[in-house]
């Protein structure tokens, strides 16, 4: 049986401000939790698919967000760790800071829900061997961070260079180019982490076979429903599809995204357009006989 999983990174609006070198947190700083999460939950229920939500632990200092994640857990969705503070440069910090960020995310979720999270995803998809060692030492069950897409890497590099030329500074950082050599299918982390070994299960962010184009929410919504179906058809022979989305994929141009609009192309799209593209992809995966599970369940299938 071929499997598929859908995960959603709950990066709040201020993280996008940090990426684009914008000051402040936005006019509606809690849009992801207040609007995107309920929409994502309704969308998943309508399609009959479980979700894995990657939670930034610091966001759980807000009581409303705690109630939200408890409700998601009650609906059968997985809650996983996206660090305590979502530092994009986590891999450039010392081991002690890495440990505090990973353990802090674990503790925040455990306090909020009474359950220890199994999975981990690094901010900006960036891991290194030191961080992988921290995950193992802290008892993390699986990682889903490695993103072996040359097209994504190049686009990010061009964005960062362009910002520097315009005198703006991004909190985002570029990762190790050798990560592009990582297996595109689930594997166990080795040393270095982009090689298969005997470590934690790694569920890489999905890329298209051969071309390794990014198969993520941003790509799908920018492509539209027809383009999303075209990209999805390339996955016909894959044993596992790991579709990664963001809360922003459930927000539209009418959601008071303010200063983000000139800098974030997908933020300017209508919400109906986005949902149509995401739905088209999931419905086609179902037609291709993929069974949808959570990432914690998928990690147990990695040999």
C-alpha atoms as a PDB file:
ATOM      1  CA  UNK A   1       0.000   0.000   0.000  1.00  0.00           C
ATOM      2  CA  UNK A   2       1.303   3.446  -0.915  1.00  0.00           C
ATOM      3  CA  UNK A   3       1.101   6.077   1.792  1.00  0.00           C
ATOM      4  CA  UNK A   4       0.773   9.850   1.967  1.00  0.00           C
ATOM      5  CA  UNK A   5       0.933  12.336   4.816  1.00  0.00           C
ATOM      6  CA  UNK A   6       0.039  16.001   5.065  1.00  0.00           C
ATOM      7  CA  UNK A   7       1.776  18.243   7.558  1.00  0.00           C
ATOM      8  CA  UNK A   8       1.245  21.918   8.343  1.00  0.00           C
ATOM      9  CA  UNK A   9       3.905  24.162   9.857  1.00  0.00           C
ATOM     10  CA  UNK A  10       2.173  26.710  12.074  1.00  0.00           C
ATOM     11  CA  UNK A  11       4.610  29.572  11.508  1.00  0.00           C
ATOM     12  CA  UNK A  12       2.852  32.727  12.670  1.00  0.00           C
ATOM     13  CA  UNK A  13       2.827  35.920  10.614  1.00  0.00           C
ATOM     14  CA  UNK A  14       5.785  37.511  12.392  1.00  0.00           C
ATOM     15  CA  UNK A  15       8.077  34.773  11.080  1.00  0.00           C
ATOM     16  CA  UNK A  16       7.295  35.887   7.535  1.00  0.00           C
ATOM     17  CA  UNK A  17       8.057  39.449   8.547  1.00  0.00           C
ATOM     18  CA  UNK A  18      11.455  38.186   9.739  1.00  0.00           C
ATOM     19  CA  UNK A  19      12.097  36.398   6.438  1.00  0.00           C
ATOM     20  CA  UNK A  20      11.427  39.539   4.435  1.00  0.00           C
ATOM     21  CA  UNK A  21      13.272  41.919   6.743  1.00  0.00           C
ATOM     22  CA  UNK A  22      10.103  43.732   7.794  1.00  0.00           C
ATOM     23  CA  UNK A  23       9.700  45.400  11.165  1.00  0.00           C
ATOM     24  CA  UNK A  24       6.944  44.435  13.593  1.00  0.00           C
ATOM     25  CA  UNK A  25       4.537  41.501  13.776  1.00  0.00           C
ATOM     26  CA  UNK A  26       1.750  42.594  11.435  1.00  0.00           C
ATOM     27  CA  UNK A  27      -1.633  44.097  12.126  1.00  0.00           C
ATOM     28  CA  UNK A  28      -3.111  40.692  12.942  1.00  0.00           C
ATOM     29  CA  UNK A  29      -0.218  38.770  14.563  1.00  0.00           C
ATOM     30  CA  UNK A  30      -2.263  35.641  15.386  1.00  0.00           C
ATOM     31  CA  UNK A  31      -3.857  35.061  11.990  1.00  0.00           C
ATOM     32  CA  UNK A  32      -2.448  31.551  11.611  1.00  0.00           C
ATOM     33  CA  UNK A  33      -4.000  30.253  14.832  1.00  0.00           C
ATOM     34  CA  UNK A  34      -7.167  32.339  14.713  1.00  0.00           C
ATOM     35  CA  UNK A  35      -8.098  31.834  11.056  1.00  0.00           C
ATOM     36  CA  UNK A  36      -5.818  29.401   9.215  1.00  0.00           C
ATOM     37  CA  UNK A  37      -5.964  26.527  11.707  1.00  0.00           C
ATOM     38  CA  UNK A  38      -9.777  26.291  11.846  1.00  0.00           C
ATOM     39  CA  UNK A  39      -9.889  26.394   8.045  1.00  0.00           C
ATOM     40  CA  UNK A  40      -7.229  23.682   7.767  1.00  0.00           C
ATOM     41  CA  UNK A  41      -9.096  21.517  10.253  1.00  0.00           C
ATOM     42  CA  UNK A  42     -12.370  21.892   8.327  1.00  0.00           C
ATOM     43  CA  UNK A  43     -10.569  21.197   5.043  1.00  0.00           C
ATOM     44  CA  UNK A  44      -9.026  17.996   6.386  1.00  0.00           C
ATOM     45  CA  UNK A  45     -12.339  16.831   7.828  1.00  0.00           C
ATOM     46  CA  UNK A  46     -14.076  17.391   4.496  1.00  0.00           C
ATOM     47  CA  UNK A  47     -11.418  15.332   2.712  1.00  0.00           C
ATOM     48  CA  UNK A  48     -11.242  12.688   5.432  1.00  0.00           C
ATOM     49  CA  UNK A  49      -7.481  12.970   5.989  1.00  0.00           C
ATOM     50  CA  UNK A  50      -5.428  13.256   9.202  1.00  0.00           C
ATOM     51  CA  UNK A  51      -2.888  16.035   9.615  1.00  0.00           C
ATOM     52  CA  UNK A  52       0.394  16.518  11.426  1.00  0.00           C
ATOM     53  CA  UNK A  53       0.797  20.039  12.834  1.00  0.00           C
ATOM     54  CA  UNK A  54       4.291  21.304  13.631  1.00  0.00           C
ATOM     55  CA  UNK A  55       3.935  23.654  16.605  1.00  0.00           C
ATOM     56  CA  UNK A  56       6.278  26.455  17.657  1.00  0.00           C
ATOM     57  CA  UNK A  57       6.342  26.032  21.426  1.00  0.00           C
ATOM     58  CA  UNK A  58       6.545  29.745  22.173  1.00  0.00           C
ATOM     59  CA  UNK A  59       3.142  30.290  20.570  1.00  0.00           C
ATOM     60  CA  UNK A  60       1.597  28.207  23.352  1.00  0.00           C
ATOM     61  CA  UNK A  61       2.182  31.034  25.821  1.00  0.00           C
ATOM     62  CA  UNK A  62      -1.130  32.330  24.417  1.00  0.00           C
ATOM     63  CA  UNK A  63      -4.017  30.540  26.119  1.00  0.00           C
ATOM     64  CA  UNK A  64      -6.204  30.611  23.010  1.00  0.00           C
ATOM     65  CA  UNK A  65      -3.542  28.694  21.113  1.00  0.00           C
ATOM     66  CA  UNK A  66      -3.371  26.058  23.825  1.00  0.00           C
ATOM     67  CA  UNK A  67      -7.100  25.471  23.446  1.00  0.00           C
ATOM     68  CA  UNK A  68      -6.642  25.241  19.687  1.00  0.00           C
ATOM     69  CA  UNK A  69      -3.949  22.566  19.810  1.00  0.00           C
ATOM     70  CA  UNK A  70      -5.876  20.579  22.399  1.00  0.00           C
ATOM     71  CA  UNK A  71      -8.841  20.576  20.039  1.00  0.00           C
ATOM     72  CA  UNK A  72      -6.640  19.409  17.161  1.00  0.00           C
ATOM     73  CA  UNK A  73      -5.321  16.530  19.253  1.00  0.00           C
ATOM     74  CA  UNK A  74      -8.880  15.616  20.168  1.00  0.00           C
ATOM     75  CA  UNK A  75      -9.735  15.433  16.472  1.00  0.00           C
ATOM     76  CA  UNK A  76      -7.010  12.813  15.977  1.00  0.00           C
ATOM     77  CA  UNK A  77      -4.337  15.011  14.429  1.00  0.00           C
ATOM     78  CA  UNK A  78      -0.682  14.692  15.390  1.00  0.00           C
ATOM     79  CA  UNK A  79       1.083  17.557  17.170  1.00  0.00           C
ATOM     80  CA  UNK A  80       4.827  17.679  16.538  1.00  0.00           C
ATOM     81  CA  UNK A  81       7.727  19.898  17.578  1.00  0.00           C
ATOM     82  CA  UNK A  82       8.844  22.911  15.516  1.00  0.00           C
ATOM     83  CA  UNK A  83      11.233  24.180  18.264  1.00  0.00           C
ATOM     84  CA  UNK A  84      10.521  26.668  21.011  1.00  0.00           C
ATOM     85  CA  UNK A  85      11.307  29.903  19.162  1.00  0.00           C
ATOM     86  CA  UNK A  86      11.674  29.066  15.441  1.00  0.00           C
ATOM     87  CA  UNK A  87      15.169  30.500  15.057  1.00  0.00           C
ATOM     88  CA  UNK A  88      16.030  30.238  11.370  1.00  0.00           C
ATOM     89  CA  UNK A  89      19.717  30.159  12.243  1.00  0.00           C
ATOM     90  CA  UNK A  90      19.408  27.331  14.775  1.00  0.00           C
ATOM     91  CA  UNK A  91      22.111  25.260  13.055  1.00  0.00           C
ATOM     92  CA  UNK A  92      24.548  28.157  13.511  1.00  0.00           C
ATOM     93  CA  UNK A  93      24.036  28.237  17.271  1.00  0.00           C
ATOM     94  CA  UNK A  94      25.868  26.169  19.868  1.00  0.00           C
ATOM     95  CA  UNK A  95      24.721  22.773  21.048  1.00  0.00           C
ATOM     96  CA  UNK A  96      23.355  24.152  24.300  1.00  0.00           C
ATOM     97  CA  UNK A  97      21.018  26.490  22.420  1.00  0.00           C
ATOM     98  CA  UNK A  98      19.943  23.658  20.124  1.00  0.00           C
ATOM     99  CA  UNK A  99      19.088  21.541  23.159  1.00  0.00           C
ATOM    100  CA  UNK A 100      17.095  24.366  24.748  1.00  0.00           C
ATOM    101  CA  UNK A 101      15.125  24.954  21.561  1.00  0.00           C
ATOM    102  CA  UNK A 102      14.293  21.289  20.959  1.00  0.00           C
ATOM    103  CA  UNK A 103      13.551  20.478  24.609  1.00  0.00           C
ATOM    104  CA  UNK A 104      11.623  23.729  25.023  1.00  0.00           C
ATOM    105  CA  UNK A 105       9.334  22.776  22.156  1.00  0.00           C
ATOM    106  CA  UNK A 106       8.824  19.315  23.639  1.00  0.00           C
ATOM    107  CA  UNK A 107       8.024  20.724  27.065  1.00  0.00           C
ATOM    108  CA  UNK A 108       5.595  23.350  25.728  1.00  0.00           C
ATOM    109  CA  UNK A 109       3.552  20.739  23.889  1.00  0.00           C
ATOM    110  CA  UNK A 110       3.651  18.310  26.795  1.00  0.00           C
ATOM    111  CA  UNK A 111       2.332  21.007  29.152  1.00  0.00           C
ATOM    112  CA  UNK A 112      -0.401  22.001  26.732  1.00  0.00           C
ATOM    113  CA  UNK A 113      -1.635  18.538  25.813  1.00  0.00           C
ATOM    114  CA  UNK A 114      -0.287  16.086  28.382  1.00  0.00           C
ATOM    115  CA  UNK A 115       1.475  14.191  25.603  1.00  0.00           C
ATOM    116  CA  UNK A 116       5.107  14.291  24.519  1.00  0.00           C
ATOM    117  CA  UNK A 117       5.496  14.963  20.768  1.00  0.00           C
ATOM    118  CA  UNK A 118       7.173  12.292  18.665  1.00  0.00           C
ATOM    119  CA  UNK A 119       8.316  14.231  15.605  1.00  0.00           C
ATOM    120  CA  UNK A 120      10.477  17.245  14.837  1.00  0.00           C
ATOM    121  CA  UNK A 121      10.862  19.695  11.974  1.00  0.00           C
ATOM    122  CA  UNK A 122      13.593  22.323  11.938  1.00  0.00           C
ATOM    123  CA  UNK A 123      12.921  25.974  11.083  1.00  0.00           C
ATOM    124  CA  UNK A 124      13.671  26.630   7.439  1.00  0.00           C
ATOM    125  CA  UNK A 125      14.197  22.882   6.865  1.00  0.00           C
ATOM    126  CA  UNK A 126      17.785  23.268   8.137  1.00  0.00           C
ATOM    127  CA  UNK A 127      19.507  20.541  10.130  1.00  0.00           C
ATOM    128  CA  UNK A 128      23.130  19.568  10.619  1.00  0.00           C
ATOM    129  CA  UNK A 129      24.907  16.683  12.324  1.00  0.00           C
ATOM    130  CA  UNK A 130      25.038  18.518  15.654  1.00  0.00           C
ATOM    131  CA  UNK A 131      21.279  19.096  15.644  1.00  0.00           C
ATOM    132  CA  UNK A 132      20.641  15.495  14.583  1.00  0.00           C
ATOM    133  CA  UNK A 133      22.727  14.415  17.571  1.00  0.00           C
ATOM    134  CA  UNK A 134      20.592  16.591  19.848  1.00  0.00           C
ATOM    135  CA  UNK A 135      17.413  15.013  18.482  1.00  0.00           C
ATOM    136  CA  UNK A 136      18.732  11.545  19.232  1.00  0.00           C
ATOM    137  CA  UNK A 137      19.914  12.492  22.721  1.00  0.00           C
ATOM    138  CA  UNK A 138      16.533  14.005  23.602  1.00  0.00           C
ATOM    139  CA  UNK A 139      14.559  10.982  22.447  1.00  0.00           C
ATOM    140  CA  UNK A 140      12.896  12.466  19.373  1.00  0.00           C
ATOM    141  CA  UNK A 141      11.131   9.777  17.360  1.00  0.00           C
ATOM    142  CA  UNK A 142      11.618  11.059  13.824  1.00  0.00           C
ATOM    143  CA  UNK A 143      12.718  14.087  11.822  1.00  0.00           C
ATOM    144  CA  UNK A 144      11.046  15.633   8.782  1.00  0.00           C
ATOM    145  CA  UNK A 145      13.314  18.502   7.765  1.00  0.00           C
ATOM    146  CA  UNK A 146      15.604  17.510   4.922  1.00  0.00           C
ATOM    147  CA  UNK A 147      14.547  19.171   1.668  1.00  0.00           C
ATOM    148  CA  UNK A 148      16.652  17.904  -1.262  1.00  0.00           C
ATOM    149  CA  UNK A 149      15.336  20.319  -3.912  1.00  0.00           C
ATOM    150  CA  UNK A 150      17.905  22.216  -6.024  1.00  0.00           C
ATOM    151  CA  UNK A 151      15.161  24.477  -7.396  1.00  0.00           C
ATOM    152  CA  UNK A 152      14.057  25.502  -3.907  1.00  0.00           C
ATOM    153  CA  UNK A 153      17.670  26.013  -2.811  1.00  0.00           C
ATOM    154  CA  UNK A 154      18.404  28.225  -5.822  1.00  0.00           C
ATOM    155  CA  UNK A 155      15.233  30.277  -5.421  1.00  0.00           C
ATOM    156  CA  UNK A 156      15.993  30.879  -1.739  1.00  0.00           C
ATOM    157  CA  UNK A 157      19.581  31.876  -2.519  1.00  0.00           C
ATOM    158  CA  UNK A 158      18.409  34.334  -5.163  1.00  0.00           C
ATOM    159  CA  UNK A 159      15.888  35.827  -2.744  1.00  0.00           C
ATOM    160  CA  UNK A 160      18.492  36.343  -0.020  1.00  0.00           C
ATOM    161  CA  UNK A 161      20.992  37.901  -2.424  1.00  0.00           C
ATOM    162  CA  UNK A 162      18.309  40.193  -3.830  1.00  0.00           C
ATOM    163  CA  UNK A 163      17.371  41.367  -0.355  1.00  0.00           C
ATOM    164  CA  UNK A 164      20.978  42.135   0.528  1.00  0.00           C
ATOM    165  CA  UNK A 165      21.394  44.138  -2.675  1.00  0.00           C
ATOM    166  CA  UNK A 166      18.336  46.198  -1.688  1.00  0.00           C
ATOM    167  CA  UNK A 167      19.726  46.800   1.781  1.00  0.00           C
ATOM    168  CA  UNK A 168      17.296  44.549   3.655  1.00  0.00           C
ATOM    169  CA  UNK A 169      18.330  41.859   6.103  1.00  0.00           C
ATOM    170  CA  UNK A 170      16.522  38.511   6.363  1.00  0.00           C
ATOM    171  CA  UNK A 171      16.463  36.266   9.407  1.00  0.00           C
ATOM    172  CA  UNK A 172      16.425  33.317   7.010  1.00  0.00           C
ATOM    173  CA  UNK A 173      19.732  31.598   6.230  1.00  0.00           C
ATOM    174  CA  UNK A 174      20.938  29.268   3.514  1.00  0.00           C
ATOM    175  CA  UNK A 175      21.643  25.640   4.334  1.00  0.00           C
ATOM    176  CA  UNK A 176      24.393  23.234   3.335  1.00  0.00           C
ATOM    177  CA  UNK A 177      24.297  22.582  -0.404  1.00  0.00           C
ATOM    178  CA  UNK A 178      25.244  18.953   0.256  1.00  0.00           C
ATOM    179  CA  UNK A 179      21.742  18.392   1.657  1.00  0.00           C
ATOM    180  CA  UNK A 180      20.621  18.348  -1.983  1.00  0.00           C
ATOM    181  CA  UNK A 181      22.364  14.953  -2.231  1.00  0.00           C
ATOM    182  CA  UNK A 182      20.061  13.418   0.388  1.00  0.00           C
ATOM    183  CA  UNK A 183      17.698  10.599  -0.570  1.00  0.00           C
ATOM    184  CA  UNK A 184      14.319  11.949  -1.683  1.00  0.00           C
ATOM    185  CA  UNK A 185      12.496   9.035  -0.050  1.00  0.00           C
ATOM    186  CA  UNK A 186      12.310   8.121   3.655  1.00  0.00           C
ATOM    187  CA  UNK A 187      15.585   6.881   5.113  1.00  0.00           C
ATOM    188  CA  UNK A 188      17.453   6.633   8.399  1.00  0.00           C
ATOM    189  CA  UNK A 189      19.839   9.456   9.152  1.00  0.00           C
ATOM    190  CA  UNK A 190      23.515   8.696   8.869  1.00  0.00           C
ATOM    191  CA  UNK A 191      26.691  10.725   9.319  1.00  0.00           C
ATOM    192  CA  UNK A 192      26.687  13.107   7.560  1.00  0.00           C
ATOM    193  CA  UNK A 193      22.913  13.514   7.793  1.00  0.00           C
ATOM    194  CA  UNK A 194      22.365  13.619   4.023  1.00  0.00           C
ATOM    195  CA  UNK A 195      23.496   9.998   3.772  1.00  0.00           C
ATOM    196  CA  UNK A 196      21.504   6.946   4.792  1.00  0.00           C
ATOM    197  CA  UNK A 197      22.584   5.279   8.005  1.00  0.00           C
ATOM    198  CA  UNK A 198      21.135   3.694  11.127  1.00  0.00           C
ATOM    199  CA  UNK A 199      19.858   6.757  12.978  1.00  0.00           C
ATOM    200  CA  UNK A 200      16.471   8.424  13.342  1.00  0.00           C
ATOM    201  CA  UNK A 201      13.852   7.950  10.631  1.00  0.00           C
ATOM    202  CA  UNK A 202      13.952  10.908   8.235  1.00  0.00           C
ATOM    203  CA  UNK A 203      10.847  11.787   6.222  1.00  0.00           C
ATOM    204  CA  UNK A 204      12.164  14.280   3.636  1.00  0.00           C
ATOM    205  CA  UNK A 205      10.054  17.125   2.320  1.00  0.00           C
ATOM    206  CA  UNK A 206       8.523  15.928  -0.943  1.00  0.00           C
ATOM    207  CA  UNK A 207      10.173  16.570  -4.286  1.00  0.00           C
ATOM    208  CA  UNK A 208       9.138  15.424  -7.751  1.00  0.00           C
ATOM    209  CA  UNK A 209      10.992  12.364  -9.094  1.00  0.00           C
ATOM    210  CA  UNK A 210      14.015  13.106 -11.246  1.00  0.00           C
ATOM    211  CA  UNK A 211      13.644  16.892 -11.410  1.00  0.00           C
ATOM    212  CA  UNK A 212      13.368  17.246  -7.611  1.00  0.00           C
ATOM    213  CA  UNK A 213      11.048  20.229  -7.884  1.00  0.00           C
ATOM    214  CA  UNK A 214       9.495  21.244  -4.556  1.00  0.00           C
ATOM    215  CA  UNK A 215       6.135  19.575  -3.986  1.00  0.00           C
ATOM    216  CA  UNK A 216       4.902  21.756  -1.143  1.00  0.00           C
ATOM    217  CA  UNK A 217       1.931  23.976  -0.465  1.00  0.00           C
ATOM    218  CA  UNK A 218       3.577  27.094  -1.880  1.00  0.00           C
ATOM    219  CA  UNK A 219       4.304  25.351  -5.187  1.00  0.00           C
ATOM    220  CA  UNK A 220       0.804  23.938  -5.461  1.00  0.00           C
ATOM    221  CA  UNK A 221      -1.082  27.148  -4.732  1.00  0.00           C
ATOM    222  CA  UNK A 222       1.092  29.142  -7.128  1.00  0.00           C
ATOM    223  CA  UNK A 223       0.507  26.487  -9.809  1.00  0.00           C
ATOM    224  CA  UNK A 224      -3.275  26.511  -9.325  1.00  0.00           C
ATOM    225  CA  UNK A 225      -5.568  23.486  -9.472  1.00  0.00           C
ATOM    226  CA  UNK A 226      -4.488  22.330 -12.945  1.00  0.00           C
ATOM    227  CA  UNK A 227      -0.816  22.779 -12.183  1.00  0.00           C
ATOM    228  CA  UNK A 228      -1.226  20.997  -8.845  1.00  0.00           C
ATOM    229  CA  UNK A 229      -2.740  17.994 -10.629  1.00  0.00           C
ATOM    230  CA  UNK A 230       0.113  17.976 -13.130  1.00  0.00           C
ATOM    231  CA  UNK A 231       2.717  17.960 -10.374  1.00  0.00           C
ATOM    232  CA  UNK A 232       0.822  15.302  -8.445  1.00  0.00           C
ATOM    233  CA  UNK A 233       0.759  12.954 -11.429  1.00  0.00           C
ATOM    234  CA  UNK A 234       4.568  12.827 -11.357  1.00  0.00           C
ATOM    235  CA  UNK A 235       4.299  11.078  -7.972  1.00  0.00           C
ATOM    236  CA  UNK A 236       2.313   8.166  -9.326  1.00  0.00           C
ATOM    237  CA  UNK A 237       5.053   5.601  -8.639  1.00  0.00           C
ATOM    238  CA  UNK A 238       6.272   6.986  -5.331  1.00  0.00           C
ATOM    239  CA  UNK A 239       5.843   4.700  -2.290  1.00  0.00           C
ATOM    240  CA  UNK A 240       5.309   7.659   0.053  1.00  0.00           C
ATOM    241  CA  UNK A 241       4.288  11.287  -0.439  1.00  0.00           C
ATOM    242  CA  UNK A 242       5.104  13.838   2.270  1.00  0.00           C
ATOM    243  CA  UNK A 243       3.111  16.976   1.432  1.00  0.00           C
ATOM    244  CA  UNK A 244       4.210  19.908   3.608  1.00  0.00           C
ATOM    245  CA  UNK A 245       1.993  22.968   3.951  1.00  0.00           C
ATOM    246  CA  UNK A 246       2.059  26.143   6.019  1.00  0.00           C
ATOM    247  CA  UNK A 247      -0.694  27.965   7.841  1.00  0.00           C
ATOM    248  CA  UNK A 248      -0.261  30.738   5.288  1.00  0.00           C
ATOM    249  CA  UNK A 249      -1.649  28.366   2.638  1.00  0.00           C
ATOM    250  CA  UNK A 250      -5.053  28.791   4.302  1.00  0.00           C
ATOM    251  CA  UNK A 251      -4.945  32.584   4.362  1.00  0.00           C
ATOM    252  CA  UNK A 252      -5.884  34.782   1.408  1.00  0.00           C
ATOM    253  CA  UNK A 253      -5.348  38.286   0.134  1.00  0.00           C
ATOM    254  CA  UNK A 254      -8.401  39.447   2.112  1.00  0.00           C
ATOM    255  CA  UNK A 255      -6.940  38.329   5.463  1.00  0.00           C
ATOM    256  CA  UNK A 256      -5.207  41.566   6.417  1.00  0.00           C
ATOM    257  CA  UNK A 257      -1.714  40.349   5.594  1.00  0.00           C
ATOM    258  CA  UNK A 258      -0.623  43.945   5.159  1.00  0.00           C
ATOM    259  CA  UNK A 259       3.057  44.487   4.488  1.00  0.00           C
ATOM    260  CA  UNK A 260       3.568  40.882   3.417  1.00  0.00           C
ATOM    261  CA  UNK A 261       1.601  41.321   0.206  1.00  0.00           C
ATOM    262  CA  UNK A 262       4.341  43.014  -1.881  1.00  0.00           C
ATOM    263  CA  UNK A 263       6.943  40.461  -0.762  1.00  0.00           C
ATOM    264  CA  UNK A 264       5.103  37.119  -0.583  1.00  0.00           C
ATOM    265  CA  UNK A 265       3.495  36.147  -3.927  1.00  0.00           C
ATOM    266  CA  UNK A 266       1.301  33.394  -2.484  1.00  0.00           C
ATOM    267  CA  UNK A 267      -0.091  35.847   0.095  1.00  0.00           C
ATOM    268  CA  UNK A 268      -1.682  37.799  -2.757  1.00  0.00           C
ATOM    269  CA  UNK A 269      -3.735  34.822  -3.949  1.00  0.00           C
ATOM    270  CA  UNK A 270      -7.408  34.424  -3.141  1.00  0.00           C
ATOM    271  CA  UNK A 271      -8.149  31.838  -0.477  1.00  0.00           C
ATOM    272  CA  UNK A 272     -10.550  29.972  -2.794  1.00  0.00           C
ATOM    273  CA  UNK A 273      -7.771  29.648  -5.376  1.00  0.00           C
ATOM    274  CA  UNK A 274      -5.434  28.154  -2.771  1.00  0.00           C
ATOM    275  CA  UNK A 275      -7.968  25.693  -1.410  1.00  0.00           C
ATOM    276  CA  UNK A 276      -8.868  24.565  -4.923  1.00  0.00           C
ATOM    277  CA  UNK A 277      -5.227  23.758  -5.678  1.00  0.00           C
ATOM    278  CA  UNK A 278      -4.611  21.906  -2.409  1.00  0.00           C
ATOM    279  CA  UNK A 279      -7.864  19.970  -2.745  1.00  0.00           C
ATOM    280  CA  UNK A 280      -7.076  19.015  -6.333  1.00  0.00           C
ATOM    281  CA  UNK A 281      -3.735  17.553  -5.249  1.00  0.00           C
ATOM    282  CA  UNK A 282      -5.182  15.536  -2.367  1.00  0.00           C
ATOM    283  CA  UNK A 283      -8.135  14.240  -4.353  1.00  0.00           C
ATOM    284  CA  UNK A 284      -5.817  13.059  -7.127  1.00  0.00           C
ATOM    285  CA  UNK A 285      -3.533  11.313  -4.629  1.00  0.00           C
ATOM    286  CA  UNK A 286      -6.613   9.519  -3.335  1.00  0.00           C
ATOM    287  CA  UNK A 287      -7.567   8.490  -6.867  1.00  0.00           C
ATOM    288  CA  UNK A 288      -4.052   7.121  -7.285  1.00  0.00           C
ATOM    289  CA  UNK A 289      -4.791   4.934  -4.236  1.00  0.00           C
ATOM    290  CA  UNK A 290      -2.584   6.610  -1.667  1.00  0.00           C
ATOM    291  CA  UNK A 291      -3.720   5.981   1.907  1.00  0.00           C
ATOM    292  CA  UNK A 292      -3.334   9.017   4.182  1.00  0.00           C
ATOM    293  CA  UNK A 293      -1.706   8.653   7.595  1.00  0.00           C
ATOM    294  CA  UNK A 294       0.037  10.882  10.131  1.00  0.00           C
ATOM    295  CA  UNK A 295       3.788  11.379  10.033  1.00  0.00           C
ATOM    296  CA  UNK A 296       4.318   9.541  13.319  1.00  0.00           C
ATOM    297  CA  UNK A 297       2.618   6.529  11.751  1.00  0.00           C
ATOM    298  CA  UNK A 298       4.674   6.920   8.572  1.00  0.00           C
ATOM    299  CA  UNK A 299       7.917   7.036  10.560  1.00  0.00           C
ATOM    300  CA  UNK A 300       7.245   3.541  11.872  1.00  0.00           C
ATOM    301  CA  UNK A 301       7.370   2.161   8.336  1.00  0.00           C
ATOM    302  CA  UNK A 302      10.949   3.359   7.682  1.00  0.00           C
ATOM    303  CA  UNK A 303      13.211   0.315   7.545  1.00  0.00           C
END
